[in-house]
C-alpha atoms as a PDB file:
ATOM      1  CA  MET A   1       8.742 -33.201   3.701  1.00  0.00           C
ATOM      2  CA  GLY A   2       5.500 -34.103   6.330  1.00  0.00           C
ATOM      3  CA  LEU A   3       5.406 -31.454   8.959  1.00  0.00           C
ATOM      4  CA  ASP A   4       6.500 -33.414  11.638  1.00  0.00           C
ATOM      5  CA  GLN A   5       9.885 -33.895  10.374  1.00  0.00           C
ATOM      6  CA  VAL A   6       9.745 -30.087   9.315  1.00  0.00           C
ATOM      7  CA  ALA A   7       9.349 -28.939  13.767  1.00  0.00           C
ATOM      8  CA  LEU A   8      11.683 -31.107  14.369  1.00  0.00           C
ATOM      9  CA  GLU A   9      14.251 -30.196  11.650  1.00  0.00           C
ATOM     10  CA  HIS A  10      13.240 -26.405  12.349  1.00  0.00           C
ATOM     11  CA  VAL A  11      14.190 -27.238  16.411  1.00  0.00           C
ATOM     12  CA  THR A  12      17.472 -28.562  15.379  1.00  0.00           C
ATOM     13  CA  ARG A  13      18.053 -25.353  13.609  1.00  0.00           C
ATOM     14  CA  ILE A  14      17.242 -23.752  17.305  1.00  0.00           C
ATOM     15  CA  LEU A  15      18.875 -25.826  19.674  1.00  0.00           C
ATOM     16  CA  ASN A  16      21.685 -26.060  17.546  1.00  0.00           C
ATOM     17  CA  SER A  17      22.413 -21.687  17.003  1.00  0.00           C
ATOM     18  CA  ASN A  18      24.209 -19.212  19.359  1.00  0.00           C
ATOM     19  CA  LEU A  19      21.147 -18.219  20.750  1.00  0.00           C
ATOM     20  CA  PRO A  20      20.887 -17.542  24.720  1.00  0.00           C
ATOM     21  CA  GLU A  21      19.571 -21.168  25.877  1.00  0.00           C
ATOM     22  CA  ARG A  22      16.610 -19.388  27.236  1.00  0.00           C
ATOM     23  CA  GLN A  23      15.964 -17.597  23.271  1.00  0.00           C
ATOM     24  CA  LYS A  24      16.301 -20.890  22.196  1.00  0.00           C
ATOM     25  CA  LEU A  25      13.557 -22.030  24.382  1.00  0.00           C
ATOM     26  CA  GLU A  26      11.386 -19.747  23.841  1.00  0.00           C
ATOM     27  CA  GLN A  27      11.857 -20.515  20.350  1.00  0.00           C
ATOM     28  CA  THR A  28      10.923 -23.887  20.323  1.00  0.00           C
ATOM     29  CA  LEU A  29       8.426 -24.015  22.315  1.00  0.00           C
ATOM     30  CA  ARG A  30       6.196 -21.856  20.084  1.00  0.00           C
ATOM     31  CA  ALA A  31       7.773 -24.172  17.375  1.00  0.00           C
ATOM     32  CA  LEU A  32       6.179 -27.426  18.823  1.00  0.00           C
ATOM     33  CA  ALA A  33       3.432 -25.086  19.446  1.00  0.00           C
ATOM     34  CA  LYS A  34       2.930 -25.175  16.211  1.00  0.00           C
ATOM     35  CA  TRP A  35       3.335 -27.880  15.088  1.00  0.00           C
ATOM     36  CA  ARG A  36       1.163 -28.628  17.787  1.00  0.00           C
ATOM     37  CA  SER A  37      -1.998 -26.480  16.685  1.00  0.00           C
ATOM     38  CA  GLN A  38      -1.378 -27.549  13.232  1.00  0.00           C
ATOM     39  CA  LEU A  39      -1.953 -31.403  14.145  1.00  0.00           C
ATOM     40  CA  ILE A  40      -5.127 -30.432  16.368  1.00  0.00           C
ATOM     41  CA  GLY A  41      -6.234 -27.994  12.918  1.00  0.00           C
ATOM     42  CA  SER A  42      -5.673 -31.292  10.560  1.00  0.00           C
ATOM     43  CA  THR A  43      -7.421 -34.070  12.849  1.00  0.00           C
ATOM     44  CA  LEU A  44     -10.453 -30.667  13.281  1.00  0.00           C
ATOM     45  CA  VAL A  45     -11.344 -30.781   8.947  1.00  0.00           C
ATOM     46  CA  ALA A  46     -10.107 -34.998   9.300  1.00  0.00           C
ATOM     47  CA  HIS A  47     -13.454 -34.366  11.573  1.00  0.00           C
ATOM     48  CA  SER A  48     -15.534 -32.096  10.506  1.00  0.00           C
ATOM     49  CA  GLY A  49     -14.558 -30.730   7.877  1.00  0.00           C
ATOM     50  CA  THR A  50     -13.858 -26.823   6.573  1.00  0.00           C
ATOM     51  CA  VAL A  51     -17.354 -25.127   8.011  1.00  0.00           C
ATOM     52  CA  VAL A  52     -17.811 -22.514  10.399  1.00  0.00           C
ATOM     53  CA  GLN A  53     -18.603 -23.583  13.737  1.00  0.00           C
ATOM     54  CA  ASP A  54     -19.956 -20.739  15.588  1.00  0.00           C
ATOM     55  CA  GLY A  55     -19.160 -16.925  15.449  1.00  0.00           C
ATOM     56  CA  PRO A  56     -20.727 -14.284  13.083  1.00  0.00           C
ATOM     57  CA  PHE A  57     -19.940 -15.658  10.411  1.00  0.00           C
ATOM     58  CA  LYS A  58     -20.780 -19.410  11.195  1.00  0.00           C
ATOM     59  CA  GLY A  59     -22.041 -21.989   8.148  1.00  0.00           C
ATOM     60  CA  MET A  60     -19.026 -20.787   5.910  1.00  0.00           C
ATOM     61  CA  THR A  61     -17.170 -22.820   3.790  1.00  0.00           C
ATOM     62  CA  TYR A  62     -13.437 -22.461   4.637  1.00  0.00           C
ATOM     63  CA  LEU A  63     -10.119 -23.577   3.177  1.00  0.00           C
ATOM     64  CA  ALA A  64      -8.202 -26.304   5.420  1.00  0.00           C
ATOM     65  CA  THR A  65      -4.761 -24.671   4.166  1.00  0.00           C
ATOM     66  CA  PRO A  66      -4.895 -20.069   5.076  1.00  0.00           C
ATOM     67  CA  SER A  67      -2.694 -18.827   4.007  1.00  0.00           C
ATOM     68  CA  GLU A  68      -1.031 -17.822   7.540  1.00  0.00           C
ATOM     69  CA  GLY A  69      -2.262 -18.473  10.973  1.00  0.00           C
ATOM     70  CA  GLY A  70      -3.968 -21.409  12.973  1.00  0.00           C
ATOM     71  CA  ILE A  71      -7.110 -22.811  11.232  1.00  0.00           C
ATOM     72  CA  ALA A  72      -8.829 -24.576  14.387  1.00  0.00           C
ATOM     73  CA  PRO A  73      -9.972 -21.077  15.807  1.00  0.00           C
ATOM     74  CA  LYS A  74     -11.280 -20.292  12.819  1.00  0.00           C
ATOM     75  CA  LEU A  75     -13.513 -23.585  11.723  1.00  0.00           C
ATOM     76  CA  LEU A  76     -14.707 -23.475  15.882  1.00  0.00           C
ATOM     77  CA  GLY A  77     -15.450 -20.033  15.753  1.00  0.00           C
ATOM     78  CA  VAL A  78     -13.028 -18.792  18.227  1.00  0.00           C
ATOM     79  CA  TYR A  79     -11.017 -16.500  16.258  1.00  0.00           C
ATOM     80  CA  GLU A  80     -10.806 -13.180  17.186  1.00  0.00           C
ATOM     81  CA  THR A  81     -13.305 -13.258  20.210  1.00  0.00           C
ATOM     82  CA  ALA A  82     -13.065  -9.774  20.992  1.00  0.00           C
ATOM     83  CA  LEU A  83     -14.369  -8.386  17.251  1.00  0.00           C
ATOM     84  CA  HIS A  84     -17.442 -10.649  17.292  1.00  0.00           C
ATOM     85  CA  ASP A  85     -19.979  -7.986  18.233  1.00  0.00           C
ATOM     86  CA  VAL A  86     -18.842  -5.774  15.510  1.00  0.00           C
ATOM     87  CA  PHE A  87     -19.636  -8.662  12.307  1.00  0.00           C
ATOM     88  CA  LEU A  88     -22.863  -8.840  14.262  1.00  0.00           C
ATOM     89  CA  ALA A  89     -24.011  -5.903  14.907  1.00  0.00           C
ATOM     90  CA  ALA A  90     -23.913  -5.253  10.637  1.00  0.00           C
ATOM     91  CA  PRO A  91     -25.822  -5.962   9.286  1.00  0.00           C
ATOM     92  CA  GLU A  92     -28.191  -3.133  11.276  1.00  0.00           C
ATOM     93  CA  LYS A  93     -26.510  -1.055  10.103  1.00  0.00           C
ATOM     94  CA  GLU A  94     -27.095  -1.426   7.183  1.00  0.00           C
ATOM     95  CA  TYR A  95     -22.906   0.064   5.268  1.00  0.00           C
ATOM     96  CA  ASP A  96     -22.897   0.553   1.443  1.00  0.00           C
ATOM     97  CA  ALA A  97     -19.828  -1.038   1.878  1.00  0.00           C
ATOM     98  CA  VAL A  98     -16.884  -3.347   2.929  1.00  0.00           C
ATOM     99  CA  LEU A  99     -13.888  -2.566   2.514  1.00  0.00           C
ATOM    100  CA  ASN A 100     -11.031  -5.187   3.922  1.00  0.00           C
ATOM    101  CA  VAL A 101      -7.121  -4.028   3.918  1.00  0.00           C
ATOM    102  CA  GLY A 102      -4.528  -7.413   4.262  1.00  0.00           C
ATOM    103  CA  CYS A 103      -7.243  -9.088   3.746  1.00  0.00           C
ATOM    104  CA  ALA A 104      -4.739 -12.932   3.105  1.00  0.00           C
ATOM    105  CA  GLU A 105      -7.156 -15.610   2.559  1.00  0.00           C
ATOM    106  CA  GLY A 106     -10.828 -13.615   2.912  1.00  0.00           C
ATOM    107  CA  PHE A 107     -11.574 -14.791   6.721  1.00  0.00           C
ATOM    108  CA  TYR A 108     -13.409 -10.955   6.673  1.00  0.00           C
ATOM    109  CA  ALA A 109     -14.100 -10.233   3.004  1.00  0.00           C
ATOM    110  CA  VAL A 110     -15.778 -13.330   2.394  1.00  0.00           C
ATOM    111  CA  GLY A 111     -17.460 -13.885   5.571  1.00  0.00           C
ATOM    112  CA  CYS A 112     -18.734  -9.781   5.647  1.00  0.00           C
ATOM    113  CA  ALA A 113     -19.698 -11.271   2.050  1.00  0.00           C
ATOM    114  CA  GLY A 114     -22.402 -13.495   3.441  1.00  0.00           C
ATOM    115  CA  LEU A 115     -24.047 -11.655   5.927  1.00  0.00           C
ATOM    116  CA  LEU A 116     -24.685  -9.071   3.877  1.00  0.00           C
ATOM    117  CA  PRO A 117     -25.369 -10.044   1.035  1.00  0.00           C
ATOM    118  CA  ASP A 118     -26.319  -7.385  -0.979  1.00  0.00           C
ATOM    119  CA  THR A 119     -22.613  -5.088   0.720  1.00  0.00           C
ATOM    120  CA  PRO A 120     -20.094  -5.046  -2.713  1.00  0.00           C
ATOM    121  CA  VAL A 121     -16.695  -6.503  -0.653  1.00  0.00           C
ATOM    122  CA  PHE A 122     -13.014  -4.320  -2.011  1.00  0.00           C
ATOM    123  CA  ALA A 123     -10.424  -6.442  -0.334  1.00  0.00           C
ATOM    124  CA  TRP A 124      -6.954  -5.302  -0.572  1.00  0.00           C
ATOM    125  CA  ASP A 125      -3.934  -7.964  -0.429  1.00  0.00           C
ATOM    126  CA  ILE A 126       0.081  -7.781  -1.665  1.00  0.00           C
ATOM    127  CA  ASP A 127       0.755 -10.654  -1.503  1.00  0.00           C
ATOM    128  CA  PRO A 128      -0.116 -12.616  -4.678  1.00  0.00           C
ATOM    129  CA  VAL A 129      -0.744 -16.384  -2.529  1.00  0.00           C
ATOM    130  CA  ALA A 130      -3.301 -14.989  -0.563  1.00  0.00           C
ATOM    131  CA  ARG A 131      -5.517 -12.920  -3.177  1.00  0.00           C
ATOM    132  CA  HIS A 132      -5.405 -16.323  -5.137  1.00  0.00           C
ATOM    133  CA  LYS A 133      -6.926 -17.616  -1.352  1.00  0.00           C
ATOM    134  CA  CYS A 134      -9.495 -15.043  -1.502  1.00  0.00           C
ATOM    135  CA  LEU A 135     -11.022 -15.846  -5.164  1.00  0.00           C
ATOM    136  CA  GLU A 136     -10.409 -19.292  -3.701  1.00  0.00           C
ATOM    137  CA  LEU A 137     -12.084 -19.381  -0.667  1.00  0.00           C
ATOM    138  CA  ALA A 138     -15.224 -16.558  -2.308  1.00  0.00           C
ATOM    139  CA  ARG A 139     -15.797 -19.049  -5.078  1.00  0.00           C
ATOM    140  CA  LEU A 140     -16.644 -22.105  -2.386  1.00  0.00           C
ATOM    141  CA  ASN A 141     -18.948 -19.076  -0.559  1.00  0.00           C
ATOM    142  CA  GLY A 142     -20.834 -18.325  -3.539  1.00  0.00           C
ATOM    143  CA  VAL A 143     -20.020 -14.866  -3.092  1.00  0.00           C
ATOM    144  CA  GLU A 144     -16.913 -14.218  -6.192  1.00  0.00           C
ATOM    145  CA  ALA A 145     -19.271 -11.742  -8.032  1.00  0.00           C
ATOM    146  CA  GLN A 146     -19.864  -9.748  -4.413  1.00  0.00           C
ATOM    147  CA  ILE A 147     -16.485  -9.181  -3.840  1.00  0.00           C
ATOM    148  CA  ASP A 148     -13.957  -6.959  -5.568  1.00  0.00           C
ATOM    149  CA  LEU A 149      -9.914  -7.982  -5.094  1.00  0.00           C
ATOM    150  CA  ARG A 150      -6.968  -5.454  -5.658  1.00  0.00           C
ATOM    151  CA  GLU A 151      -3.737  -5.665  -5.133  1.00  0.00           C
ATOM    152  CA  ARG A 152      -2.198  -2.166  -2.701  1.00  0.00           C
ATOM    153  CA  PHE A 153      -3.969  -0.779  -0.191  1.00  0.00           C
ATOM    154  CA  GLU A 154      -3.477   3.419  -0.586  1.00  0.00           C
ATOM    155  CA  ALA A 155      -5.337   5.816   2.198  1.00  0.00           C
ATOM    156  CA  GLN A 156      -6.929   7.929  -1.517  1.00  0.00           C
ATOM    157  CA  HIS A 157      -8.785   4.915  -1.963  1.00  0.00           C
ATOM    158  CA  VAL A 158     -10.646   5.036   0.316  1.00  0.00           C
ATOM    159  CA  ASN A 159     -11.782   8.880  -1.189  1.00  0.00           C
ATOM    160  CA  ARG A 160     -12.602   6.815  -4.588  1.00  0.00           C
ATOM    161  CA  VAL A 161     -14.996   4.370  -3.402  1.00  0.00           C
ATOM    162  CA  TRP A 162     -16.738   6.779  -1.416  1.00  0.00           C
ATOM    163  CA  SER A 163     -16.969   8.821  -4.857  1.00  0.00           C
ATOM    164  CA  GLU A 164     -17.954   5.470  -7.022  1.00  0.00           C
ATOM    165  CA  LEU A 165     -20.741   4.933  -4.312  1.00  0.00           C
ATOM    166  CA  SER A 166     -21.662   7.894  -3.929  1.00  0.00           C
ATOM    167  CA  THR A 167     -22.904   9.103  -7.350  1.00  0.00           C
ATOM    168  CA  LYS A 168     -24.278   4.789  -7.526  1.00  0.00           C
ATOM    169  CA  LEU A 169     -26.886   6.210  -5.005  1.00  0.00           C
ATOM    170  CA  GLY A 170     -27.395   9.082  -5.504  1.00  0.00           C
ATOM    171  CA  ARG A 171     -26.320   9.633  -1.326  1.00  0.00           C
ATOM    172  CA  HIS A 172     -23.435   9.892   0.669  1.00  0.00           C
ATOM    173  CA  PRO A 173     -22.554   6.625   1.441  1.00  0.00           C
ATOM    174  CA  LYS A 174     -21.212   5.042   5.388  1.00  0.00           C
ATOM    175  CA  GLY A 175     -18.808   2.032   4.732  1.00  0.00           C
ATOM    176  CA  LEU A 176     -16.930  -0.223   7.622  1.00  0.00           C
ATOM    177  CA  LEU A 177     -13.761  -0.357   6.716  1.00  0.00           C
ATOM    178  CA  VAL A 178     -11.473  -3.783   8.405  1.00  0.00           C
ATOM    179  CA  MET A 179      -7.203  -3.435   8.500  1.00  0.00           C
ATOM    180  CA  ASP A 180      -4.744  -5.527   9.523  1.00  0.00           C
ATOM    181  CA  CYS A 181      -1.441  -5.268   7.470  1.00  0.00           C
ATOM    182  CA  GLU A 182       1.037  -6.083   9.858  1.00  0.00           C
ATOM    183  CA  GLY A 183       2.481  -2.278  10.879  1.00  0.00           C
ATOM    184  CA  ALA A 184       1.409  -0.497   7.541  1.00  0.00           C
ATOM    185  CA  GLU A 185      -1.297   0.749   9.199  1.00  0.00           C
ATOM    186  CA  PHE A 186       0.334   3.072  10.853  1.00  0.00           C
ATOM    187  CA  ASP A 187       1.566   4.633   7.061  1.00  0.00           C
ATOM    188  CA  LEU A 188      -2.131   3.838   5.819  1.00  0.00           C
ATOM    189  CA  LEU A 189      -4.748   4.983   7.894  1.00  0.00           C
ATOM    190  CA  ASP A 190      -3.786   8.626   6.735  1.00  0.00           C
ATOM    191  CA  PRO A 191      -6.460  11.251   7.855  1.00  0.00           C
ATOM    192  CA  GLN A 192      -4.883  13.697   5.087  1.00  0.00           C
ATOM    193  CA  ALA A 193      -4.551  11.715   2.485  1.00  0.00           C
ATOM    194  CA  GLY A 194      -8.219   9.833   2.840  1.00  0.00           C
ATOM    195  CA  ASN A 195     -11.610  10.765   4.077  1.00  0.00           C
ATOM    196  CA  PHE A 196     -12.708   8.024   6.297  1.00  0.00           C
ATOM    197  CA  ARG A 197     -14.712  10.159   8.186  1.00  0.00           C
ATOM    198  CA  TRP A 198     -17.982   7.474   6.419  1.00  0.00           C
ATOM    199  CA  LEU A 199     -16.744   4.253   8.024  1.00  0.00           C
ATOM    200  CA  ASP A 200     -16.250   2.873  10.652  1.00  0.00           C
ATOM    201  CA  LEU A 201     -12.518   1.128  11.803  1.00  0.00           C
ATOM    202  CA  VAL A 202     -11.654  -1.835  12.837  1.00  0.00           C
ATOM    203  CA  VAL A 203      -7.169  -2.117  13.034  1.00  0.00           C
ATOM    204  CA  GLU A 204      -5.167  -4.406  14.507  1.00  0.00           C
ATOM    205  CA  VAL A 205      -2.720  -2.759  15.719  1.00  0.00           C
ATOM    206  CA  HIS A 206       0.784  -3.744  15.731  1.00  0.00           C
ATOM    207  CA  PRO A 207       2.756  -0.892  18.042  1.00  0.00           C
ATOM    208  CA  ARG A 208       6.810  -0.521  17.834  1.00  0.00           C
ATOM    209  CA  ARG A 209       8.665   2.467  19.779  1.00  0.00           C
ATOM    210  CA  GLU A 210       6.834   5.755  17.946  1.00  0.00           C
ATOM    211  CA  ARG A 211       4.077   4.208  16.276  1.00  0.00           C
ATOM    212  CA  THR A 212       1.608   3.843  19.212  1.00  0.00           C
ATOM    213  CA  VAL A 213      -1.740   2.464  19.837  1.00  0.00           C
ATOM    214  CA  ARG A 214      -1.707   6.748  21.669  1.00  0.00           C
ATOM    215  CA  ALA A 215      -0.155   7.672  17.891  1.00  0.00           C
ATOM    216  CA  LEU A 216      -2.966   6.427  15.399  1.00  0.00           C
ATOM    217  CA  VAL A 217      -5.870   7.288  18.004  1.00  0.00           C
ATOM    218  CA  GLU A 218      -4.684  10.512  18.124  1.00  0.00           C
ATOM    219  CA  ARG A 219      -6.156  11.269  14.498  1.00  0.00           C
ATOM    220  CA  PHE A 220      -8.786   9.478  14.594  1.00  0.00           C
ATOM    221  CA  GLU A 221     -11.029  11.208  17.698  1.00  0.00           C
ATOM    222  CA  SER A 222     -12.059  14.053  16.512  1.00  0.00           C
ATOM    223  CA  THR A 223     -13.705  11.800  14.094  1.00  0.00           C
ATOM    224  CA  HIS A 224     -15.161   8.945  15.268  1.00  0.00           C
ATOM    225  CA  THR A 225     -15.002   7.634  18.934  1.00  0.00           C
ATOM    226  CA  VAL A 226     -12.552   5.319  19.455  1.00  0.00           C
ATOM    227  CA  GLU A 227     -12.213   1.841  21.506  1.00  0.00           C
ATOM    228  CA  GLU A 228      -9.390   0.124  22.296  1.00  0.00           C
ATOM    229  CA  ARG A 229      -9.920  -3.692  22.766  1.00  0.00           C
ATOM    230  CA  GLN A 230      -7.522  -6.416  23.776  1.00  0.00           C
ATOM    231  CA  ALA A 231      -7.385 -10.380  22.728  1.00  0.00           C
ATOM    232  CA  ARG A 232      -8.548 -12.657  24.806  1.00  0.00           C
ATOM    233  CA  THR A 233      -8.464 -16.534  24.237  1.00  0.00           C
ATOM    234  CA  GLY A 234     -12.353 -18.350  25.574  1.00  0.00           C
ATOM    235  CA  VAL A 235     -12.212 -22.154  25.468  1.00  0.00           C
ATOM    236  CA  PRO A 236     -15.977 -22.525  23.898  1.00  0.00           C
ATOM    237  CA  ASP A 237     -17.538 -26.986  23.761  1.00  0.00           C
ATOM    238  CA  LEU A 238     -15.187 -28.375  22.252  1.00  0.00           C
ATOM    239  CA  PRO A 239     -16.078 -31.686  19.220  1.00  0.00           C
ATOM    240  CA  PRO A 240     -16.327 -34.727  21.573  1.00  0.00           C
ATOM    241  CA  TRP A 241     -12.985 -36.155  20.657  1.00  0.00           C
ATOM    242  CA  LEU A 242     -11.212 -32.899  21.130  1.00  0.00           C
ATOM    243  CA  GLU A 243     -12.829 -32.623  24.911  1.00  0.00           C
ATOM    244  CA  LYS A 244     -11.143 -36.063  25.028  1.00  0.00           C
ATOM    245  CA  LEU A 245      -7.414 -34.294  24.511  1.00  0.00           C
ATOM    246  CA  GLY A 246      -5.361 -32.864  26.942  1.00  0.00           C
ATOM    247  CA  HIS A 247      -6.365 -29.173  27.990  1.00  0.00           C
ATOM    248  CA  LEU A 248      -2.940 -28.301  26.404  1.00  0.00           C
ATOM    249  CA  ASP A 249      -4.363 -29.010  23.139  1.00  0.00           C
ATOM    250  CA  GLN A 250      -7.405 -27.698  23.928  1.00  0.00           C
ATOM    251  CA  LEU A 251      -5.770 -24.017  24.957  1.00  0.00           C
ATOM    252  CA  LEU A 252      -3.582 -24.851  21.080  1.00  0.00           C
ATOM    253  CA  ALA A 253      -7.280 -26.222  19.439  1.00  0.00           C
ATOM    254  CA  VAL A 254      -7.716 -21.837  20.075  1.00  0.00           C
ATOM    255  CA  TRP A 255      -4.258 -20.112  19.761  1.00  0.00           C
ATOM    256  CA  GLU A 256      -3.808 -17.885  17.029  1.00  0.00           C
ATOM    257  CA  TRP A 257      -0.648 -17.947  17.261  1.00  0.00           C
ATOM    258  CA  ARG A 258      -0.273 -14.713  18.459  1.00  0.00           C
ATOM    259  CA  ALA A 259       3.638 -13.521  19.548  1.00  0.00           C
ATOM    260  CA  VAL A 260       2.760  -9.698  20.912  1.00  0.00           C
ATOM    261  CA  PRO A 261       0.326  -8.371  22.014  1.00  0.00           C
ATOM    262  CA  THR A 262      -2.158  -7.168  19.645  1.00  0.00           C
ATOM    263  CA  PRO A 263      -4.816  -4.418  19.775  1.00  0.00           C
ATOM    264  CA  TRP A 264      -7.026  -3.804  17.734  1.00  0.00           C
ATOM    265  CA  LEU A 265      -8.672   0.151  18.064  1.00  0.00           C
ATOM    266  CA  VAL A 266     -13.032  -0.578  16.718  1.00  0.00           C
ATOM    267  CA  MET A 267     -13.665   3.628  15.550  1.00  0.00           C
ATOM    268  CA  ARG A 268     -16.736   4.956  14.740  1.00  0.00           C
ATOM    269  CA  ALA A 269     -17.852   7.535  12.463  1.00  0.00           C
ATOM    270  CA  ARG A 270     -19.424  10.431  14.529  1.00  0.00           C
END
């Protein structure tokens, strides 16, 4: 079944449902936006291939079918632009390891491996499809030997990595932890269970009810300087064929499929 037919059937189910009219319209809008975004992503791949064109991971070969989200923002190099400075500055930080929790298909795990060629990357994801794609992406970029791919992260794992690196290096290590795990950050980032003091943290936060951004900040403000950042959408210099499309298509090319605000916390070890 083609993408168009899948989208039509999805929209039909929404319109035939018992949802209130406003919800029907909202869900239909989002479904059609994702459909159009996927078409734009496929066209971008057809025109330019799968090499990331800009941003901190410029030059990375990517997958035509990521495990989640649209591909166009990643290929255009505008994905999560609010974090670009963190990764562009990473080579100067002399990190001894990168830990990526919720690695998905490996945008940050493989991107950091390429950016920091002498630095081991530990990557976790509970989804076997995501882990398979991450390994495939690592192989495409020749960094598979650099990435230690694991299934389920627990807070005490940061202690184990710290111990391994301390023994190997003969000193206290310094690392970067990047986490995007759809709300599980409130359970996993437990300073009582793991020593996060040696890590700079970049965490995508998925707030709900009592699990607030502030509650997470309070766990780390005594050990880290904490900065909250919001997603921002910028339209870069676009390929000529995309410049000729309508403004809505240009916006959809950089849309990251976010349904609700998901701020980041950038927390640097003191």
